[in-house]
Amino acid sequence: MSRARKMVTPAVKLSEAAMLEMIRRPHVTEKATMGSEHNQVTFKVPLEASKPEIKAAIEGVFKVKVTAVNTLRVEGKSKLWRGRAGKRPDFKKAVVTLAEGHKIDVTTGI
């Protein structure tokens, strides 16, 4: 009989400047707006950001309780600009699920 272990992640300590650098900007799209029905907010974050760092930054800046962080890397599109090939930069999105009763209003500033 196997026992299920609950993974405990160590608390991440970030400075105020590191927290503000971690949250680049809210990612406002139609799909991200639909996530607000499920208490989710989407942010653009640095490519090298980890889930515990993102969680600590969101909780520190907005003073809310985060229950889950899902991340995905978006590869930049290849585009033509004035007849020349170019590529938009890659970026990382973080879909943050907030605890019941907590809310972040992305339409206002920090």
N, C-alpha and C. Protein backbone atom coordinates (compact mmCIF):
# COMPACT_ATOMS: atom_id res chain seq x y z
N MET A 1 0.84 -1.17 0.00
CA MET A 1 0.00 0.00 0.00
C MET A 1 0.89 1.23 0.00
N SER A 2 0.70 2.10 -0.94
CA SER A 2 1.54 3.30 -1.03
C SER A 2 0.85 4.48 -0.38
N ARG A 3 1.65 5.32 0.18
CA ARG A 3 1.13 6.52 0.82
C ARG A 3 1.37 7.71 -0.10
N ALA A 4 0.37 8.52 -0.22
CA ALA A 4 0.51 9.73 -1.03
C ALA A 4 1.19 10.80 -0.19
N ARG A 5 2.21 11.39 -0.74
CA ARG A 5 2.92 12.46 -0.05
C ARG A 5 2.48 13.80 -0.58
N LYS A 6 2.32 14.71 0.32
CA LYS A 6 1.99 16.07 -0.08
C LYS A 6 3.29 16.83 -0.19
N MET A 7 3.54 17.40 -1.38
CA MET A 7 4.77 18.15 -1.57
C MET A 7 4.66 19.50 -0.89
N VAL A 8 5.66 19.83 -0.13
CA VAL A 8 5.71 21.12 0.55
C VAL A 8 6.82 21.93 -0.09
N THR A 9 6.46 23.07 -0.65
CA THR A 9 7.46 23.93 -1.26
C THR A 9 7.96 24.93 -0.23
N PRO A 10 9.24 25.17 -0.18
CA PRO A 10 9.76 26.12 0.79
C PRO A 10 9.30 27.54 0.46
N ALA A 11 9.15 28.34 1.49
CA ALA A 11 8.72 29.73 1.29
C ALA A 11 9.83 30.50 0.57
N VAL A 12 9.45 31.26 -0.41
CA VAL A 12 10.40 32.04 -1.20
C VAL A 12 10.41 33.46 -0.68
N LYS A 13 11.59 33.99 -0.42
CA LYS A 13 11.75 35.37 0.04
C LYS A 13 12.19 36.23 -1.13
N LEU A 14 11.40 37.25 -1.45
CA LEU A 14 11.73 38.17 -2.54
C LEU A 14 11.71 39.59 -2.01
N SER A 15 12.61 40.42 -2.52
CA SER A 15 12.59 41.83 -2.15
C SER A 15 11.43 42.51 -2.87
N GLU A 16 11.09 43.72 -2.43
CA GLU A 16 10.00 44.48 -3.06
C GLU A 16 10.28 44.72 -4.54
N ALA A 17 11.53 45.05 -4.86
CA ALA A 17 11.90 45.30 -6.26
C ALA A 17 11.79 44.02 -7.08
N ALA A 18 12.18 42.89 -6.51
CA ALA A 18 12.09 41.61 -7.22
C ALA A 18 10.63 41.23 -7.46
N MET A 19 9.76 41.53 -6.50
CA MET A 19 8.33 41.24 -6.67
C MET A 19 7.73 42.05 -7.81
N LEU A 20 8.08 43.33 -7.85
CA LEU A 20 7.54 44.19 -8.90
C LEU A 20 8.11 43.83 -10.27
N GLU A 21 9.34 43.33 -10.32
CA GLU A 21 9.94 42.90 -11.58
C GLU A 21 9.32 41.58 -12.06
N MET A 22 8.88 40.75 -11.11
CA MET A 22 8.31 39.45 -11.44
C MET A 22 6.97 39.60 -12.17
N ILE A 23 6.19 40.60 -11.80
CA ILE A 23 4.87 40.80 -12.41
C ILE A 23 5.03 41.89 -13.46
N ARG A 24 5.21 41.49 -14.70
CA ARG A 24 5.45 42.48 -15.76
C ARG A 24 4.20 43.32 -16.04
N ARG A 25 3.08 42.64 -16.35
CA ARG A 25 1.82 43.35 -16.61
C ARG A 25 0.71 42.31 -16.68
N PRO A 26 -0.53 42.74 -16.49
CA PRO A 26 -1.65 41.80 -16.68
C PRO A 26 -1.81 41.47 -18.16
N HIS A 27 -2.18 40.24 -18.43
CA HIS A 27 -2.40 39.80 -19.80
C HIS A 27 -3.91 39.79 -20.02
N VAL A 28 -4.42 40.83 -20.67
CA VAL A 28 -5.86 40.99 -20.83
C VAL A 28 -6.26 40.57 -22.23
N THR A 29 -6.92 39.42 -22.32
CA THR A 29 -7.47 38.91 -23.56
C THR A 29 -8.87 38.40 -23.26
N GLU A 30 -9.57 37.98 -24.29
CA GLU A 30 -10.91 37.45 -24.08
C GLU A 30 -10.87 36.19 -23.22
N LYS A 31 -9.90 35.33 -23.48
CA LYS A 31 -9.79 34.09 -22.72
C LYS A 31 -9.39 34.36 -21.27
N ALA A 32 -8.48 35.30 -21.06
CA ALA A 32 -8.07 35.64 -19.70
C ALA A 32 -9.22 36.27 -18.93
N THR A 33 -10.05 37.04 -19.60
CA THR A 33 -11.20 37.65 -18.95
C THR A 33 -12.22 36.60 -18.54
N MET A 34 -12.37 35.54 -19.33
CA MET A 34 -13.28 34.46 -18.97
C MET A 34 -12.78 33.73 -17.71
N GLY A 35 -11.47 33.73 -17.48
CA GLY A 35 -10.92 33.10 -16.28
C GLY A 35 -11.31 33.82 -15.01
N SER A 36 -11.68 35.10 -15.11
CA SER A 36 -12.08 35.85 -13.92
C SER A 36 -13.36 35.29 -13.32
N GLU A 37 -14.15 34.57 -14.10
CA GLU A 37 -15.34 33.91 -13.56
C GLU A 37 -14.96 32.81 -12.58
N HIS A 38 -13.75 32.27 -12.73
CA HIS A 38 -13.26 31.19 -11.87
C HIS A 38 -12.20 31.68 -10.89
N ASN A 39 -12.22 32.99 -10.61
CA ASN A 39 -11.29 33.61 -9.66
C ASN A 39 -9.84 33.49 -10.12
N GLN A 40 -9.59 33.67 -11.42
CA GLN A 40 -8.25 33.58 -11.98
C GLN A 40 -7.85 34.92 -12.61
N VAL A 41 -6.56 35.23 -12.51
CA VAL A 41 -6.00 36.43 -13.11
C VAL A 41 -4.75 36.00 -13.87
N THR A 42 -4.54 36.57 -15.06
CA THR A 42 -3.40 36.18 -15.90
C THR A 42 -2.41 37.34 -15.99
N PHE A 43 -1.11 37.01 -15.81
CA PHE A 43 -0.04 38.00 -15.86
C PHE A 43 1.05 37.54 -16.80
N LYS A 44 1.77 38.49 -17.41
CA LYS A 44 3.00 38.18 -18.13
C LYS A 44 4.14 38.25 -17.12
N VAL A 45 5.01 37.26 -17.14
CA VAL A 45 6.11 37.17 -16.19
C VAL A 45 7.40 36.86 -16.95
N PRO A 46 8.58 37.02 -16.32
CA PRO A 46 9.84 36.68 -17.00
C PRO A 46 9.91 35.19 -17.36
N LEU A 47 10.64 34.87 -18.41
CA LEU A 47 10.76 33.48 -18.86
C LEU A 47 11.38 32.57 -17.79
N GLU A 48 12.26 33.13 -16.96
CA GLU A 48 12.95 32.31 -15.97
C GLU A 48 12.23 32.25 -14.62
N ALA A 49 11.04 32.82 -14.52
CA ALA A 49 10.29 32.83 -13.26
C ALA A 49 9.74 31.44 -12.95
N SER A 50 9.80 31.07 -11.67
CA SER A 50 9.26 29.78 -11.24
C SER A 50 7.91 30.00 -10.55
N LYS A 51 7.15 28.93 -10.39
CA LYS A 51 5.82 29.03 -9.78
C LYS A 51 5.88 29.54 -8.33
N PRO A 52 6.79 29.05 -7.48
CA PRO A 52 6.85 29.59 -6.11
C PRO A 52 7.22 31.07 -6.07
N GLU A 53 8.09 31.51 -6.97
CA GLU A 53 8.45 32.93 -7.03
C GLU A 53 7.26 33.78 -7.46
N ILE A 54 6.51 33.30 -8.45
CA ILE A 54 5.33 34.04 -8.92
C ILE A 54 4.30 34.13 -7.80
N LYS A 55 4.08 33.03 -7.10
CA LYS A 55 3.11 33.01 -5.99
C LYS A 55 3.51 34.01 -4.91
N ALA A 56 4.79 34.02 -4.53
CA ALA A 56 5.26 34.94 -3.50
C ALA A 56 5.12 36.39 -3.95
N ALA A 57 5.39 36.66 -5.23
CA ALA A 57 5.29 38.03 -5.74
C ALA A 57 3.84 38.52 -5.75
N ILE A 58 2.92 37.68 -6.20
CA ILE A 58 1.50 38.06 -6.24
C ILE A 58 0.97 38.29 -4.82
N GLU A 59 1.29 37.40 -3.91
CA GLU A 59 0.82 37.55 -2.53
C GLU A 59 1.44 38.77 -1.86
N GLY A 60 2.70 39.08 -2.18
CA GLY A 60 3.36 40.22 -1.57
C GLY A 60 2.88 41.56 -2.09
N VAL A 61 2.66 41.66 -3.40
CA VAL A 61 2.28 42.93 -4.00
C VAL A 61 0.80 43.23 -3.78
N PHE A 62 -0.06 42.24 -4.02
CA PHE A 62 -1.50 42.50 -3.98
C PHE A 62 -2.16 42.13 -2.65
N LYS A 63 -1.41 41.51 -1.72
CA LYS A 63 -1.94 41.12 -0.40
C LYS A 63 -3.17 40.23 -0.53
N VAL A 64 -3.05 39.17 -1.35
CA VAL A 64 -4.12 38.20 -1.54
C VAL A 64 -3.57 36.80 -1.27
N LYS A 65 -4.44 35.80 -1.16
CA LYS A 65 -4.04 34.41 -0.96
C LYS A 65 -4.15 33.68 -2.30
N VAL A 66 -3.06 33.08 -2.75
CA VAL A 66 -3.00 32.36 -4.02
C VAL A 66 -3.11 30.86 -3.74
N THR A 67 -4.03 30.19 -4.44
CA THR A 67 -4.17 28.74 -4.25
C THR A 67 -3.39 27.94 -5.30
N ALA A 68 -3.25 28.49 -6.52
CA ALA A 68 -2.54 27.76 -7.58
C ALA A 68 -1.94 28.72 -8.58
N VAL A 69 -0.83 28.30 -9.19
CA VAL A 69 -0.20 29.05 -10.26
C VAL A 69 0.07 28.09 -11.41
N ASN A 70 -0.48 28.37 -12.57
CA ASN A 70 -0.21 27.59 -13.77
C ASN A 70 0.55 28.49 -14.74
N THR A 71 1.62 27.96 -15.34
CA THR A 71 2.44 28.76 -16.25
C THR A 71 2.48 28.11 -17.61
N LEU A 72 2.69 28.94 -18.64
CA LEU A 72 2.89 28.43 -19.98
C LEU A 72 3.78 29.38 -20.75
N ARG A 73 4.64 28.80 -21.57
CA ARG A 73 5.53 29.59 -22.42
C ARG A 73 4.88 29.75 -23.78
N VAL A 74 4.86 30.98 -24.27
CA VAL A 74 4.27 31.28 -25.57
C VAL A 74 5.41 31.64 -26.51
N GLU A 75 5.54 30.88 -27.59
CA GLU A 75 6.59 31.15 -28.56
C GLU A 75 6.17 32.30 -29.46
N GLY A 76 7.08 33.23 -29.70
CA GLY A 76 6.78 34.39 -30.53
C GLY A 76 6.48 34.01 -31.96
N LYS A 77 5.60 34.78 -32.57
CA LYS A 77 5.21 34.50 -33.96
C LYS A 77 6.28 35.02 -34.93
N SER A 78 6.40 34.34 -36.07
CA SER A 78 7.24 34.82 -37.16
C SER A 78 6.38 35.73 -38.02
N LYS A 79 6.86 36.92 -38.29
CA LYS A 79 6.09 37.90 -39.04
C LYS A 79 6.96 38.52 -40.13
N LEU A 80 6.30 39.11 -41.13
CA LEU A 80 7.00 39.90 -42.14
C LEU A 80 6.77 41.37 -41.81
N TRP A 81 7.83 42.15 -41.83
CA TRP A 81 7.74 43.57 -41.57
C TRP A 81 8.53 44.30 -42.64
N ARG A 82 7.83 45.07 -43.48
CA ARG A 82 8.43 45.75 -44.63
C ARG A 82 9.19 44.78 -45.53
N GLY A 83 8.62 43.60 -45.71
CA GLY A 83 9.21 42.61 -46.60
C GLY A 83 10.32 41.80 -45.98
N ARG A 84 10.66 42.06 -44.73
CA ARG A 84 11.74 41.31 -44.08
C ARG A 84 11.16 40.41 -42.99
N ALA A 85 11.76 39.26 -42.86
CA ALA A 85 11.29 38.31 -41.84
C ALA A 85 11.73 38.79 -40.46
N GLY A 86 10.85 38.66 -39.52
CA GLY A 86 11.15 39.01 -38.14
C GLY A 86 10.44 38.06 -37.21
N LYS A 87 10.77 38.13 -35.92
CA LYS A 87 10.16 37.24 -34.94
C LYS A 87 9.84 38.03 -33.69
N ARG A 88 8.62 37.89 -33.21
CA ARG A 88 8.25 38.51 -31.95
C ARG A 88 8.91 37.73 -30.82
N PRO A 89 9.18 38.37 -29.69
CA PRO A 89 9.86 37.65 -28.60
C PRO A 89 8.94 36.63 -27.92
N ASP A 90 9.56 35.57 -27.37
CA ASP A 90 8.83 34.60 -26.57
C ASP A 90 8.47 35.25 -25.24
N PHE A 91 7.40 34.76 -24.60
CA PHE A 91 7.06 35.26 -23.28
C PHE A 91 6.39 34.16 -22.48
N LYS A 92 6.23 34.40 -21.19
CA LYS A 92 5.65 33.43 -20.29
C LYS A 92 4.41 34.03 -19.64
N LYS A 93 3.34 33.25 -19.58
CA LYS A 93 2.11 33.68 -18.92
C LYS A 93 1.94 32.89 -17.64
N ALA A 94 1.39 33.53 -16.62
CA ALA A 94 1.07 32.86 -15.36
C ALA A 94 -0.41 33.06 -15.09
N VAL A 95 -1.15 31.96 -15.00
CA VAL A 95 -2.56 32.01 -14.65
C VAL A 95 -2.64 31.73 -13.15
N VAL A 96 -3.01 32.75 -12.39
CA VAL A 96 -3.01 32.68 -10.93
C VAL A 96 -4.44 32.49 -10.44
N THR A 97 -4.67 31.42 -9.68
CA THR A 97 -5.98 31.17 -9.08
C THR A 97 -5.95 31.70 -7.66
N LEU A 98 -6.91 32.56 -7.33
CA LEU A 98 -6.98 33.17 -6.01
C LEU A 98 -7.93 32.40 -5.11
N ALA A 99 -7.69 32.50 -3.81
CA ALA A 99 -8.57 31.86 -2.83
C ALA A 99 -9.93 32.53 -2.85
N GLU A 100 -10.93 31.82 -2.39
CA GLU A 100 -12.29 32.34 -2.36
C GLU A 100 -12.35 33.61 -1.51
N GLY A 101 -12.98 34.63 -2.06
CA GLY A 101 -13.10 35.90 -1.33
C GLY A 101 -12.01 36.91 -1.64
N HIS A 102 -10.95 36.49 -2.32
CA HIS A 102 -9.87 37.40 -2.70
C HIS A 102 -10.06 37.84 -4.14
N LYS A 103 -9.59 39.05 -4.45
CA LYS A 103 -9.82 39.62 -5.78
C LYS A 103 -8.69 40.58 -6.13
N ILE A 104 -8.31 40.61 -7.42
CA ILE A 104 -7.35 41.59 -7.93
C ILE A 104 -8.04 42.34 -9.06
N ASP A 105 -8.04 43.66 -8.98
CA ASP A 105 -8.62 44.48 -10.04
C ASP A 105 -7.47 44.93 -10.95
N VAL A 106 -7.37 44.33 -12.15
CA VAL A 106 -6.26 44.63 -13.05
C VAL A 106 -6.47 45.94 -13.81
N THR A 107 -7.64 46.56 -13.68
CA THR A 107 -7.88 47.79 -14.40
C THR A 107 -7.29 49.01 -13.67
N THR A 108 -6.88 48.84 -12.42
CA THR A 108 -6.27 49.93 -11.67
C THR A 108 -4.78 49.67 -11.51
N GLY A 109 -4.02 50.70 -11.18
CA GLY A 109 -2.57 50.55 -10.98
C GLY A 109 -2.25 49.95 -9.62
N ILE A 110 -0.98 49.68 -9.42
CA ILE A 110 -0.52 49.10 -8.16
C ILE A 110 -0.39 50.20 -7.13
